[in-house]
Every structure is written in structure tokens, then in C-alpha cells.
C-alpha atoms as a PDB file:
ATOM      1  CA  UNK A   1     -89.914 103.439  41.751  1.00  0.00           C
ATOM      2  CA  UNK A   2     -87.340 100.765  40.782  1.00  0.00           C
ATOM      3  CA  UNK A   3     -88.556  97.735  38.982  1.00  0.00           C
ATOM      4  CA  UNK A   4     -86.912  94.652  39.338  1.00  0.00           C
ATOM      5  CA  UNK A   5     -87.009  92.549  36.227  1.00  0.00           C
ATOM      6  CA  UNK A   6     -88.217  89.094  36.772  1.00  0.00           C
ATOM      7  CA  UNK A   7     -86.054  86.240  36.269  1.00  0.00           C
ATOM      8  CA  UNK A   8     -87.849  84.361  33.406  1.00  0.00           C
ATOM      9  CA  UNK A   9     -86.345  80.932  33.936  1.00  0.00           C
ATOM     10  CA  UNK A  10     -86.012  80.383  37.762  1.00  0.00           C
ATOM     11  CA  UNK A  11     -83.911  78.424  39.689  1.00  0.00           C
ATOM     12  CA  UNK A  12     -84.436  74.827  39.236  1.00  0.00           C
ATOM     13  CA  UNK A  13     -84.733  72.601  42.553  1.00  0.00           C
ATOM     14  CA  UNK A  14     -83.005  69.304  42.354  1.00  0.00           C
ATOM     15  CA  UNK A  15     -83.631  65.843  43.996  1.00  0.00           C
ATOM     16  CA  UNK A  16     -81.253  62.950  44.344  1.00  0.00           C
ATOM     17  CA  UNK A  17     -82.001  59.614  43.845  1.00  0.00           C
ATOM     18  CA  UNK A  18     -79.537  56.943  45.134  1.00  0.00           C
ATOM     19  CA  UNK A  19     -77.034  58.029  47.459  1.00  0.00           C
ATOM     20  CA  UNK A  20     -73.979  55.877  46.891  1.00  0.00           C
ATOM     21  CA  UNK A  21     -70.236  57.019  46.813  1.00  0.00           C
ATOM     22  CA  UNK A  22     -70.119  58.830  44.010  1.00  0.00           C
ATOM     23  CA  UNK A  23     -73.376  60.671  44.579  1.00  0.00           C
ATOM     24  CA  UNK A  24     -71.709  61.836  48.154  1.00  0.00           C
ATOM     25  CA  UNK A  25     -68.272  62.694  46.473  1.00  0.00           C
ATOM     26  CA  UNK A  26     -68.839  63.376  43.063  1.00  0.00           C
ATOM     27  CA  UNK A  27     -72.741  64.877  42.375  1.00  0.00           C
ATOM     28  CA  UNK A  28     -73.419  66.488  45.048  1.00  0.00           C
ATOM     29  CA  UNK A  29     -70.398  68.495  45.722  1.00  0.00           C
ATOM     30  CA  UNK A  30     -70.328  69.632  41.756  1.00  0.00           C
ATOM     31  CA  UNK A  31     -74.099  70.281  42.111  1.00  0.00           C
ATOM     32  CA  UNK A  32     -73.572  73.056  44.607  1.00  0.00           C
ATOM     33  CA  UNK A  33     -70.970  74.641  42.235  1.00  0.00           C
ATOM     34  CA  UNK A  34     -73.567  74.956  39.524  1.00  0.00           C
ATOM     35  CA  UNK A  35     -75.663  78.579  39.246  1.00  0.00           C
ATOM     36  CA  UNK A  36     -79.528  78.467  39.205  1.00  0.00           C
ATOM     37  CA  UNK A  37     -79.732  74.903  40.879  1.00  0.00           C
ATOM     38  CA  UNK A  38     -80.662  73.916  44.931  1.00  0.00           C
ATOM     39  CA  UNK A  39     -80.658  70.359  46.001  1.00  0.00           C
ATOM     40  CA  UNK A  40     -83.666  70.473  47.256  1.00  0.00           C
ATOM     41  CA  UNK A  41     -84.444  66.550  48.471  1.00  0.00           C
ATOM     42  CA  UNK A  42     -82.401  63.375  48.261  1.00  0.00           C
ATOM     43  CA  UNK A  43     -83.665  59.789  48.802  1.00  0.00           C
ATOM     44  CA  UNK A  44     -81.999  56.380  49.741  1.00  0.00           C
ATOM     45  CA  UNK A  45     -83.702  53.141  50.296  1.00  0.00           C
ATOM     46  CA  UNK A  46     -81.759  53.024  53.506  1.00  0.00           C
ATOM     47  CA  UNK A  47     -83.398  55.871  56.135  1.00  0.00           C
ATOM     48  CA  UNK A  48     -79.917  55.917  58.029  1.00  0.00           C
ATOM     49  CA  UNK A  49     -78.390  57.035  54.750  1.00  0.00           C
ATOM     50  CA  UNK A  50     -80.766  59.671  53.255  1.00  0.00           C
ATOM     51  CA  UNK A  51     -80.751  61.406  57.383  1.00  0.00           C
ATOM     52  CA  UNK A  52     -77.110  61.191  57.038  1.00  0.00           C
ATOM     53  CA  UNK A  53     -76.312  63.045  53.750  1.00  0.00           C
ATOM     54  CA  UNK A  54     -79.021  65.309  54.315  1.00  0.00           C
ATOM     55  CA  UNK A  55     -77.133  66.567  57.488  1.00  0.00           C
ATOM     56  CA  UNK A  56     -74.032  66.539  55.821  1.00  0.00           C
ATOM     57  CA  UNK A  57     -74.649  68.873  53.060  1.00  0.00           C
ATOM     58  CA  UNK A  58     -77.413  70.817  54.409  1.00  0.00           C
ATOM     59  CA  UNK A  59     -80.099  69.439  52.002  1.00  0.00           C
ATOM     60  CA  UNK A  60     -83.887  70.341  53.437  1.00  0.00           C
ATOM     61  CA  UNK A  61     -85.435  67.415  52.737  1.00  0.00           C
ATOM     62  CA  UNK A  62     -84.779  63.482  53.342  1.00  0.00           C
ATOM     63  CA  UNK A  63     -86.950  60.517  52.025  1.00  0.00           C
ATOM     64  CA  UNK A  64     -86.768  56.556  52.148  1.00  0.00           C
ATOM     65  CA  UNK A  65     -90.093  56.211  49.841  1.00  0.00           C
ATOM     66  CA  UNK A  66     -89.916  57.197  46.473  1.00  0.00           C
ATOM     67  CA  UNK A  67     -93.054  58.363  45.930  1.00  0.00           C
ATOM     68  CA  UNK A  68     -93.004  61.433  48.673  1.00  0.00           C
ATOM     69  CA  UNK A  69     -89.691  61.867  47.167  1.00  0.00           C
ATOM     70  CA  UNK A  70     -91.497  62.926  43.968  1.00  0.00           C
ATOM     71  CA  UNK A  71     -93.666  65.343  45.778  1.00  0.00           C
ATOM     72  CA  UNK A  72     -91.243  67.061  47.620  1.00  0.00           C
ATOM     73  CA  UNK A  73     -91.494  70.272  45.322  1.00  0.00           C
ATOM     74  CA  UNK A  74     -88.501  69.267  42.982  1.00  0.00           C
ATOM     75  CA  UNK A  75     -88.296  70.463  39.448  1.00  0.00           C
ATOM     76  CA  UNK A  76     -85.403  67.732  37.934  1.00  0.00           C
ATOM     77  CA  UNK A  77     -84.627  64.692  39.557  1.00  0.00           C
ATOM     78  CA  UNK A  78     -80.719  63.122  38.859  1.00  0.00           C
ATOM     79  CA  UNK A  79     -80.796  59.175  39.414  1.00  0.00           C
ATOM     80  CA  UNK A  80     -77.945  57.408  40.827  1.00  0.00           C
ATOM     81  CA  UNK A  81     -78.930  54.272  41.950  1.00  0.00           C
ATOM     82  CA  UNK A  82     -77.956  50.936  40.870  1.00  0.00           C
ATOM     83  CA  UNK A  83     -78.509  50.386  37.071  1.00  0.00           C
ATOM     84  CA  UNK A  84     -81.354  47.982  37.592  1.00  0.00           C
ATOM     85  CA  UNK A  85     -83.331  51.096  39.517  1.00  0.00           C
ATOM     86  CA  UNK A  86     -82.897  53.267  36.898  1.00  0.00           C
ATOM     87  CA  UNK A  87     -86.211  51.911  34.425  1.00  0.00           C
ATOM     88  CA  UNK A  88     -88.520  52.109  37.500  1.00  0.00           C
ATOM     89  CA  UNK A  89     -87.396  55.451  38.878  1.00  0.00           C
ATOM     90  CA  UNK A  90     -87.377  57.151  35.374  1.00  0.00           C
ATOM     91  CA  UNK A  91     -90.776  56.344  34.454  1.00  0.00           C
ATOM     92  CA  UNK A  92     -92.253  57.190  38.333  1.00  0.00           C
ATOM     93  CA  UNK A  93     -90.111  60.809  37.888  1.00  0.00           C
ATOM     94  CA  UNK A  94     -91.191  61.246  33.861  1.00  0.00           C
ATOM     95  CA  UNK A  95     -95.194  60.669  34.828  1.00  0.00           C
ATOM     96  CA  UNK A  96     -94.592  63.182  37.924  1.00  0.00           C
ATOM     97  CA  UNK A  97     -93.557  65.472  35.399  1.00  0.00           C
ATOM     98  CA  UNK A  98     -89.732  66.204  36.406  1.00  0.00           C
ATOM     99  CA  UNK A  99     -86.564  66.326  34.096  1.00  0.00           C
ATOM    100  CA  UNK A 100     -84.485  63.265  34.582  1.00  0.00           C
ATOM    101  CA  UNK A 101     -80.383  63.467  34.556  1.00  0.00           C
ATOM    102  CA  UNK A 102     -79.611  59.746  34.445  1.00  0.00           C
ATOM    103  CA  UNK A 103     -76.552  57.452  35.034  1.00  0.00           C
ATOM    104  CA  UNK A 104     -74.903  55.418  32.861  1.00  0.00           C
ATOM    105  CA  UNK A 105     -76.112  52.737  31.127  1.00  0.00           C
ATOM    106  CA  UNK A 106     -79.690  54.509  30.704  1.00  0.00           C
ATOM    107  CA  UNK A 107     -81.330  50.825  31.580  1.00  0.00           C
ATOM    108  CA  UNK A 108     -80.592  47.335  32.057  1.00  0.00           C
ATOM    109  CA  UNK A 109     -82.608  46.428  28.347  1.00  0.00           C
ATOM    110  CA  UNK A 110     -82.787  48.748  25.302  1.00  0.00           C
ATOM    111  CA  UNK A 111     -86.575  47.324  25.444  1.00  0.00           C
ATOM    112  CA  UNK A 112     -86.376  49.683  28.997  1.00  0.00           C
ATOM    113  CA  UNK A 113     -84.678  52.206  27.697  1.00  0.00           C
ATOM    114  CA  UNK A 114     -86.953  52.573  25.010  1.00  0.00           C
ATOM    115  CA  UNK A 115     -89.839  52.820  26.532  1.00  0.00           C
ATOM    116  CA  UNK A 116     -88.081  55.381  29.154  1.00  0.00           C
ATOM    117  CA  UNK A 117     -86.990  57.705  26.228  1.00  0.00           C
ATOM    118  CA  UNK A 118     -91.050  57.597  25.280  1.00  0.00           C
ATOM    119  CA  UNK A 119     -92.290  57.745  28.580  1.00  0.00           C
ATOM    120  CA  UNK A 120     -90.384  61.615  28.911  1.00  0.00           C
ATOM    121  CA  UNK A 121     -91.568  62.350  25.291  1.00  0.00           C
ATOM    122  CA  UNK A 122     -95.201  61.482  26.459  1.00  0.00           C
ATOM    123  CA  UNK A 123     -94.570  64.021  29.399  1.00  0.00           C
ATOM    124  CA  UNK A 124     -93.075  66.453  27.868  1.00  0.00           C
ATOM    125  CA  UNK A 125     -89.671  66.410  30.334  1.00  0.00           C
ATOM    126  CA  UNK A 126     -86.354  66.419  29.243  1.00  0.00           C
ATOM    127  CA  UNK A 127     -84.238  62.886  29.887  1.00  0.00           C
ATOM    128  CA  UNK A 128     -80.252  63.814  29.949  1.00  0.00           C
ATOM    129  CA  UNK A 129     -77.879  60.901  30.432  1.00  0.00           C
ATOM    130  CA  UNK A 130     -74.637  61.440  32.507  1.00  0.00           C
ATOM    131  CA  UNK A 131     -71.910  60.968  29.624  1.00  0.00           C
ATOM    132  CA  UNK A 132     -69.418  63.107  30.970  1.00  0.00           C
ATOM    133  CA  UNK A 133     -66.472  62.863  28.969  1.00  0.00           C
ATOM    134  CA  UNK A 134     -68.282  64.652  26.258  1.00  0.00           C
ATOM    135  CA  UNK A 135     -67.805  67.608  28.349  1.00  0.00           C
ATOM    136  CA  UNK A 136     -64.179  67.971  29.153  1.00  0.00           C
ATOM    137  CA  UNK A 137     -62.747  70.733  27.075  1.00  0.00           C
ATOM    138  CA  UNK A 138     -59.850  68.919  25.099  1.00  0.00           C
ATOM    139  CA  UNK A 139     -62.660  66.590  23.855  1.00  0.00           C
ATOM    140  CA  UNK A 140     -64.369  69.573  22.738  1.00  0.00           C
ATOM    141  CA  UNK A 141     -61.413  71.126  21.104  1.00  0.00           C
ATOM    142  CA  UNK A 142     -60.886  67.356  19.501  1.00  0.00           C
ATOM    143  CA  UNK A 143     -64.239  67.429  18.326  1.00  0.00           C
ATOM    144  CA  UNK A 144     -63.381  70.758  16.480  1.00  0.00           C
ATOM    145  CA  UNK A 145     -60.344  69.657  14.756  1.00  0.00           C
ATOM    146  CA  UNK A 146     -62.433  66.213  13.536  1.00  0.00           C
ATOM    147  CA  UNK A 147     -65.441  68.733  12.684  1.00  0.00           C
ATOM    148  CA  UNK A 148     -63.212  71.356  10.788  1.00  0.00           C
ATOM    149  CA  UNK A 149     -61.631  68.664   8.636  1.00  0.00           C
ATOM    150  CA  UNK A 150     -58.051  69.631  10.094  1.00  0.00           C
ATOM    151  CA  UNK A 151     -57.145  65.898  10.693  1.00  0.00           C
ATOM    152  CA  UNK A 152     -58.348  65.066   7.188  1.00  0.00           C
ATOM    153  CA  UNK A 153     -60.608  61.715   6.858  1.00  0.00           C
ATOM    154  CA  UNK A 154     -60.650  59.849  10.195  1.00  0.00           C
ATOM    155  CA  UNK A 155     -59.006  56.289   9.839  1.00  0.00           C
ATOM    156  CA  UNK A 156     -59.692  55.171  13.442  1.00  0.00           C
ATOM    157  CA  UNK A 157     -60.644  56.434  17.152  1.00  0.00           C
ATOM    158  CA  UNK A 158     -59.043  54.416  19.640  1.00  0.00           C
ATOM    159  CA  UNK A 159     -60.038  54.485  23.500  1.00  0.00           C
ATOM    160  CA  UNK A 160     -58.988  52.820  26.447  1.00  0.00           C
ATOM    161  CA  UNK A 161     -60.420  52.453  30.238  1.00  0.00           C
ATOM    162  CA  UNK A 162     -58.649  50.636  32.429  1.00  0.00           C
ATOM    163  CA  UNK A 163     -58.959  50.342  36.373  1.00  0.00           C
ATOM    164  CA  UNK A 164     -58.239  47.966  39.440  1.00  0.00           C
ATOM    165  CA  UNK A 165     -62.092  47.006  41.018  1.00  0.00           C
ATOM    166  CA  UNK A 166     -61.713  44.263  43.152  1.00  0.00           C
ATOM    167  CA  UNK A 167     -65.040  42.015  43.504  1.00  0.00           C
ATOM    168  CA  UNK A 168     -66.983  43.188  46.763  1.00  0.00           C
ATOM    169  CA  UNK A 169     -70.190  43.926  47.531  1.00  0.00           C
ATOM    170  CA  UNK A 170     -70.461  46.939  44.788  1.00  0.00           C
ATOM    171  CA  UNK A 171     -73.696  46.318  42.771  1.00  0.00           C
ATOM    172  CA  UNK A 172     -71.364  46.577  39.904  1.00  0.00           C
ATOM    173  CA  UNK A 173     -70.692  42.765  40.795  1.00  0.00           C
ATOM    174  CA  UNK A 174     -73.650  41.894  40.959  1.00  0.00           C
ATOM    175  CA  UNK A 175     -75.578  40.486  37.198  1.00  0.00           C
ATOM    176  CA  UNK A 176     -78.919  41.356  38.524  1.00  0.00           C
ATOM    177  CA  UNK A 177     -78.089  44.763  39.498  1.00  0.00           C
ATOM    178  CA  UNK A 178     -76.010  46.177  37.085  1.00  0.00           C
ATOM    179  CA  UNK A 179     -76.891  43.658  33.975  1.00  0.00           C
ATOM    180  CA  UNK A 180     -73.008  43.359  33.136  1.00  0.00           C
ATOM    181  CA  UNK A 181     -69.624  44.632  33.918  1.00  0.00           C
ATOM    182  CA  UNK A 182     -66.932  46.632  32.770  1.00  0.00           C
ATOM    183  CA  UNK A 183     -68.699  46.770  29.359  1.00  0.00           C
ATOM    184  CA  UNK A 184     -71.751  48.333  30.713  1.00  0.00           C
ATOM    185  CA  UNK A 185     -70.122  50.254  33.269  1.00  0.00           C
ATOM    186  CA  UNK A 186     -67.136  51.313  31.328  1.00  0.00           C
ATOM    187  CA  UNK A 187     -67.177  50.593  27.759  1.00  0.00           C
ATOM    188  CA  UNK A 188     -70.589  52.975  27.484  1.00  0.00           C
ATOM    189  CA  UNK A 189     -68.156  55.667  28.380  1.00  0.00           C
ATOM    190  CA  UNK A 190     -66.012  54.670  25.753  1.00  0.00           C
ATOM    191  CA  UNK A 191     -68.912  53.712  23.036  1.00  0.00           C
ATOM    192  CA  UNK A 192     -70.179  56.975  23.560  1.00  0.00           C
ATOM    193  CA  UNK A 193     -66.835  58.593  22.797  1.00  0.00           C
ATOM    194  CA  UNK A 194     -66.588  56.763  19.746  1.00  0.00           C
ATOM    195  CA  UNK A 195     -69.941  57.802  18.675  1.00  0.00           C
ATOM    196  CA  UNK A 196     -69.431  61.791  19.587  1.00  0.00           C
ATOM    197  CA  UNK A 197     -65.843  62.089  17.733  1.00  0.00           C
ATOM    198  CA  UNK A 198     -66.503  59.442  14.881  1.00  0.00           C
ATOM    199  CA  UNK A 199     -70.002  59.285  14.243  1.00  0.00           C
ATOM    200  CA  UNK A 200     -72.932  56.665  14.387  1.00  0.00           C
ATOM    201  CA  UNK A 201     -71.959  53.113  14.295  1.00  0.00           C
ATOM    202  CA  UNK A 202     -73.091  50.453  12.086  1.00  0.00           C
ATOM    203  CA  UNK A 203     -70.632  47.534  13.226  1.00  0.00           C
ATOM    204  CA  UNK A 204     -69.740  46.424  16.383  1.00  0.00           C
ATOM    205  CA  UNK A 205     -67.574  43.001  17.486  1.00  0.00           C
ATOM    206  CA  UNK A 206     -65.207  42.076  20.010  1.00  0.00           C
ATOM    207  CA  UNK A 207     -64.701  39.974  22.752  1.00  0.00           C
ATOM    208  CA  UNK A 208     -65.252  40.056  26.935  1.00  0.00           C
ATOM    209  CA  UNK A 209     -63.583  37.680  29.499  1.00  0.00           C
ATOM    210  CA  UNK A 210     -62.579  36.935  32.983  1.00  0.00           C
ATOM    211  CA  UNK A 211     -58.500  37.507  32.842  1.00  0.00           C
ATOM    212  CA  UNK A 212     -58.013  38.347  36.842  1.00  0.00           C
ATOM    213  CA  UNK A 213     -61.063  38.397  38.721  1.00  0.00           C
ATOM    214  CA  UNK A 214     -63.136  35.392  38.270  1.00  0.00           C
ATOM    215  CA  UNK A 215     -67.073  36.803  38.882  1.00  0.00           C
ATOM    216  CA  UNK A 216     -70.398  36.538  37.384  1.00  0.00           C
ATOM    217  CA  UNK A 217     -69.797  39.894  35.139  1.00  0.00           C
ATOM    218  CA  UNK A 218     -66.687  40.191  33.000  1.00  0.00           C
ATOM    219  CA  UNK A 219     -63.295  42.030  34.106  1.00  0.00           C
ATOM    220  CA  UNK A 220     -62.296  42.557  30.648  1.00  0.00           C
ATOM    221  CA  UNK A 221     -63.317  43.453  27.045  1.00  0.00           C
ATOM    222  CA  UNK A 222     -62.102  45.065  23.657  1.00  0.00           C
ATOM    223  CA  UNK A 223     -64.111  45.772  20.774  1.00  0.00           C
ATOM    224  CA  UNK A 224     -63.823  47.192  17.574  1.00  0.00           C
ATOM    225  CA  UNK A 225     -66.435  49.216  15.848  1.00  0.00           C
ATOM    226  CA  UNK A 226     -67.127  50.686  11.857  1.00  0.00           C
ATOM    227  CA  UNK A 227     -68.156  54.225  11.649  1.00  0.00           C
ATOM    228  CA  UNK A 228     -70.775  54.833   8.893  1.00  0.00           C
ATOM    229  CA  UNK A 229     -68.902  57.870   7.382  1.00  0.00           C
ATOM    230  CA  UNK A 230     -65.786  55.594   6.978  1.00  0.00           C
ATOM    231  CA  UNK A 231     -63.468  54.875   9.413  1.00  0.00           C
ATOM    232  CA  UNK A 232     -63.036  52.361  12.579  1.00  0.00           C
ATOM    233  CA  UNK A 233     -63.057  52.873  16.467  1.00  0.00           C
ATOM    234  CA  UNK A 234     -61.769  50.318  19.071  1.00  0.00           C
ATOM    235  CA  UNK A 235     -62.063  50.548  22.465  1.00  0.00           C
ATOM    236  CA  UNK A 236     -60.470  48.521  25.788  1.00  0.00           C
ATOM    237  CA  UNK A 237     -62.263  48.530  29.281  1.00  0.00           C
ATOM    238  CA  UNK A 238     -61.015  46.492  32.399  1.00  0.00           C
ATOM    239  CA  UNK A 239     -61.763  46.006  35.936  1.00  0.00           C
ATOM    240  CA  UNK A 240     -58.484  44.515  36.660  1.00  0.00           C
ATOM    241  CA  UNK A 241     -55.296  46.482  35.652  1.00  0.00           C
ATOM    242  CA  UNK A 242     -53.646  48.191  39.175  1.00  0.00           C
ATOM    243  CA  UNK A 243     -51.763  50.201  36.838  1.00  0.00           C
ATOM    244  CA  UNK A 244     -52.791  51.730  33.131  1.00  0.00           C
ATOM    245  CA  UNK A 245     -51.953  54.908  30.770  1.00  0.00           C
ATOM    246  CA  UNK A 246     -55.601  55.250  29.377  1.00  0.00           C
ATOM    247  CA  UNK A 247     -56.256  56.962  25.991  1.00  0.00           C
ATOM    248  CA  UNK A 248     -58.295  58.683  23.778  1.00  0.00           C
ATOM    249  CA  UNK A 249     -56.052  58.612  20.066  1.00  0.00           C
ATOM    250  CA  UNK A 250     -57.760  60.079  16.963  1.00  0.00           C
ATOM    251  CA  UNK A 251     -55.931  59.107  13.726  1.00  0.00           C
ATOM    252  CA  UNK A 252     -56.648  61.096  10.499  1.00  0.00           C
ATOM    253  CA  UNK A 253     -55.409  60.786   7.078  1.00  0.00           C
ATOM    254  CA  UNK A 254     -53.810  64.712   7.824  1.00  0.00           C
ATOM    255  CA  UNK A 255     -53.052  64.521  11.363  1.00  0.00           C
ATOM    256  CA  UNK A 256     -53.820  63.189  14.754  1.00  0.00           C
ATOM    257  CA  UNK A 257     -54.407  63.798  18.273  1.00  0.00           C
ATOM    258  CA  UNK A 258     -53.991  62.321  21.845  1.00  0.00           C
ATOM    259  CA  UNK A 259     -55.569  63.174  25.207  1.00  0.00           C
ATOM    260  CA  UNK A 260     -53.586  61.132  28.218  1.00  0.00           C
ATOM    261  CA  UNK A 261     -54.617  61.562  31.855  1.00  0.00           C
ATOM    262  CA  UNK A 262     -58.269  62.105  31.027  1.00  0.00           C
ATOM    263  CA  UNK A 263     -60.484  58.883  30.999  1.00  0.00           C
ATOM    264  CA  UNK A 264     -60.519  57.318  34.844  1.00  0.00           C
ATOM    265  CA  UNK A 265     -59.164  60.935  36.469  1.00  0.00           C
ATOM    266  CA  UNK A 266     -61.707  63.238  38.035  1.00  0.00           C
ATOM    267  CA  UNK A 267     -60.111  66.457  38.245  1.00  0.00           C
ATOM    268  CA  UNK A 268     -56.348  65.729  37.098  1.00  0.00           C
ATOM    269  CA  UNK A 269     -54.550  67.940  34.332  1.00  0.00           C
ATOM    270  CA  UNK A 270     -55.097  66.142  31.192  1.00  0.00           C
ATOM    271  CA  UNK A 271     -53.093  66.803  28.389  1.00  0.00           C
ATOM    272  CA  UNK A 272     -54.175  67.068  24.619  1.00  0.00           C
ATOM    273  CA  UNK A 273     -51.211  66.696  22.151  1.00  0.00           C
ATOM    274  CA  UNK A 274     -51.931  67.295  18.303  1.00  0.00           C
ATOM    275  CA  UNK A 275     -49.820  66.634  15.227  1.00  0.00           C
ATOM    276  CA  UNK A 276     -50.685  68.085  11.940  1.00  0.00           C
ATOM    277  CA  UNK A 277     -49.147  67.977   8.264  1.00  0.00           C
ATOM    278  CA  UNK A 278     -46.839  70.487   8.110  1.00  0.00           C
ATOM    279  CA  UNK A 279     -46.659  71.717  11.311  1.00  0.00           C
ATOM    280  CA  UNK A 280     -44.494  71.091  14.593  1.00  0.00           C
ATOM    281  CA  UNK A 281     -46.395  69.230  17.565  1.00  0.00           C
ATOM    282  CA  UNK A 282     -48.719  71.377  19.781  1.00  0.00           C
ATOM    283  CA  UNK A 283     -49.311  70.284  23.797  1.00  0.00           C
ATOM    284  CA  UNK A 284     -52.088  71.509  25.555  1.00  0.00           C
ATOM    285  CA  UNK A 285     -52.736  71.035  29.313  1.00  0.00           C
ATOM    286  CA  UNK A 286     -56.254  71.635  30.703  1.00  0.00           C
ATOM    287  CA  UNK A 287     -57.707  70.651  34.081  1.00  0.00           C
ATOM    288  CA  UNK A 288     -61.455  70.390  33.839  1.00  0.00           C
ATOM    289  CA  UNK A 289     -64.139  69.110  36.501  1.00  0.00           C
ATOM    290  CA  UNK A 290     -66.651  67.209  33.999  1.00  0.00           C
ATOM    291  CA  UNK A 291     -69.226  66.784  35.584  1.00  0.00           C
ATOM    292  CA  UNK A 292     -69.737  70.334  36.895  1.00  0.00           C
ATOM    293  CA  UNK A 293     -69.714  71.244  33.316  1.00  0.00           C
ATOM    294  CA  UNK A 294     -72.340  68.459  32.217  1.00  0.00           C
ATOM    295  CA  UNK A 295     -74.697  69.591  35.294  1.00  0.00           C
ATOM    296  CA  UNK A 296     -74.225  73.638  34.279  1.00  0.00           C
ATOM    297  CA  UNK A 297     -75.575  72.481  30.775  1.00  0.00           C
ATOM    298  CA  UNK A 298     -77.857  70.104  31.871  1.00  0.00           C
ATOM    299  CA  UNK A 299     -79.411  72.385  34.380  1.00  0.00           C
ATOM    300  CA  UNK A 300     -79.741  75.217  32.086  1.00  0.00           C
ATOM    301  CA  UNK A 301     -81.455  73.195  29.388  1.00  0.00           C
ATOM    302  CA  UNK A 302     -83.985  72.156  31.962  1.00  0.00           C
ATOM    303  CA  UNK A 303     -84.790  75.524  33.109  1.00  0.00           C
ATOM    304  CA  UNK A 304     -85.787  76.425  29.430  1.00  0.00           C
ATOM    305  CA  UNK A 305     -87.093  72.684  28.848  1.00  0.00           C
ATOM    306  CA  UNK A 306     -84.861  72.167  26.137  1.00  0.00           C
ATOM    307  CA  UNK A 307     -83.233  69.476  24.461  1.00  0.00           C
ATOM    308  CA  UNK A 308     -79.926  68.713  26.827  1.00  0.00           C
ATOM    309  CA  UNK A 309     -76.688  67.945  24.731  1.00  0.00           C
ATOM    310  CA  UNK A 310     -76.635  64.001  25.963  1.00  0.00           C
ATOM    311  CA  UNK A 311     -80.442  62.810  25.658  1.00  0.00           C
ATOM    312  CA  UNK A 312     -81.933  59.739  26.432  1.00  0.00           C
ATOM    313  CA  UNK A 313     -81.900  58.777  22.805  1.00  0.00           C
ATOM    314  CA  UNK A 314     -78.032  59.200  22.856  1.00  0.00           C
ATOM    315  CA  UNK A 315     -78.349  56.717  26.280  1.00  0.00           C
ATOM    316  CA  UNK A 316     -80.847  54.097  23.779  1.00  0.00           C
ATOM    317  CA  UNK A 317     -78.157  53.749  20.736  1.00  0.00           C
ATOM    318  CA  UNK A 318     -75.445  53.278  23.685  1.00  0.00           C
ATOM    319  CA  UNK A 319     -77.827  50.351  24.722  1.00  0.00           C
ATOM    320  CA  UNK A 320     -78.437  48.767  21.826  1.00  0.00           C
ATOM    321  CA  UNK A 321     -74.455  48.890  20.789  1.00  0.00           C
ATOM    322  CA  UNK A 322     -73.703  47.172  23.928  1.00  0.00           C
ATOM    323  CA  UNK A 323     -76.590  44.406  23.838  1.00  0.00           C
ATOM    324  CA  UNK A 324     -75.223  43.570  20.231  1.00  0.00           C
ATOM    325  CA  UNK A 325     -71.702  43.577  21.111  1.00  0.00           C
ATOM    326  CA  UNK A 326     -72.596  41.305  24.538  1.00  0.00           C
ATOM    327  CA  UNK A 327     -74.520  38.940  22.426  1.00  0.00           C
ATOM    328  CA  UNK A 328     -71.828  38.429  19.492  1.00  0.00           C
ATOM    329  CA  UNK A 329     -69.215  38.028  22.733  1.00  0.00           C
ATOM    330  CA  UNK A 330     -71.439  35.399  24.087  1.00  0.00           C
ATOM    331  CA  UNK A 331     -72.245  33.299  20.825  1.00  0.00           C
ATOM    332  CA  UNK A 332     -68.279  32.784  20.572  1.00  0.00           C
ATOM    333  CA  UNK A 333     -68.128  30.768  23.984  1.00  0.00           C
ATOM    334  CA  UNK A 334     -70.989  28.927  23.126  1.00  0.00           C
END
């Protein structure tokens, strides 16, 4: 008689909380591509929205009550709601024994972030944060070049993320719902990239302003950091640039790396240029779904109850750096 081997780590039933445009156009379609993952339930405060997306994507269960959503037989939760809701939704999910992937930034304050990390640890559930840029093959190749010392001592890591996002009813323009503007939405990605490529940061400073759009949150920020093991990093982010060439650049003593058409792009082909001492310039192009790669990695970690590659602790560190940056910028204006 043929004996079937039982799957040690079964398929994961996911729930998605917060059904904005990104969840509809990016998260849900990408999750459907992940092996051993199933979207079992969705939640929105708007019952019409949850019903509509349930029908569109053939999701078995839809809810407008978060507590009922958590009881619906899911193993993991994606939290893509407005920033102000992350804290309560993560704490409740952790107490319900669910693994959690939370959108960035992790919270409104670092105090909240610390409580969220501790709640997950207490309940023995994993907490990951959606810092997708770490998962792009060209970023990972750059990390390999740095770690192998082919670039020599790192002098600077420079990043930029400029888009045009006009003020409207988007929660990102409400300080109460988002906690801040371009720094928390775009800058958190760049700060995470700086830490991933350059190491931990022991100093951060810069400026924030409303250059084009006069709103209660900033539309521009520029920062500089110092890495613990030497060298510097910069980030520039804005909501007010209709056309921009966003880059990631690493300058070392023996060589340099430049990545174009990656930051701010979803699925387009990105270009990696490598210039090493004594060698001709090399260039590579790669098209990759960063979110799919993150979800595949996170799903595997959650199925095995192993620490994900980007943790809640990363989200906590990035929140502390954002708060320090904002505090210094505000003090310059007063």
C-alpha cells in the first residue's frame, strides 16, 4: 500500500486587514502567487469594501468586525491599514496567536512598537515588517558585494525616493492617521535600506519641509546618518516630484555600485552598475516582484515558526531613528 508522506509544515491560511488600494493591487495578487499560502479571510471597517473584494478575489470570508476576523480560522495576518491602527491590530492578533506581517512604519511611536514586539514575543508568534526593498535581487547582490569586501571600506550609501502624491483624502496626509508625511511613508524604506547595506546607525540628522504642498505633514525630507562601523549614508524623500530619477548608490574605497529604476517602481526592470578597481564597468538588469519575494520568505518563516528576515525589531529600530530625526528637524524650526 502506498504511504503518503504528510506535509510537516502545512499551507498557511492568511487574513488581510485593511483593504486599501495597495492591498487590492499588490498584496492580494502577490499572495496568490505564493506556494503554501491561501487568503482565507479579509477585514475592513467598511462592510461594502470587504464584501466587494471578497467577490473580486473569491475570498471565502469577509468581515467588518476585527475580533470575528481573527476567529475565522486564519494562521497569519497581513496588516495594511492606516498607521494609527497598526498598534491595536498587531496586539490583538498577537494575543490571538497569529503570526503577523505589518506594513511600514510599524507604529505611530517607538513606545508602541516596543509593546508590539514584546506582545509577539510573549505569545510566541512571529512579527515581520514589509520592507520589500531588501528582497530585490539587485539589492541582495549589492549586499553580497559589500560583505565580500569587493568594494573596500564603505564611504557612503546614498538613497532617494521621490514621487508625486497630491494632498487628498489619503490617510498619509492626516497627521493623526499617519503620524507624519514623506519621512514615515518613504523615508522609513530608505532608512531600512541604509541599515541593511551600511549597518547600524549611531547618528541621524537632516531637514524636513513643505516645499510644494502646504499640508499638515511634510512633503520633503533630506537626512544624513553615520554608521557605527564607519562611513555615512544619506536619504532624500518627497511627495512633490512629478519626475525623478531615484537611485541607490554605494561608494566604497575600491569600487562603487549604482542601482537605477528600482526605488518607487513596482515590477519594472532595474539596472545594477558595478565599477571595481582594475575592472571594466559591468551592468546587469533584473525584473523582480519584491513583494512576492518578501511574502514567499515570510510565509516560509511563519509556517516553520522561525524568525523572519525582516523582524519587528527592525521596525522598532527604524521608528526610533525616525523619531530622533523628526525631533531634530522640529527643534531647528522652533
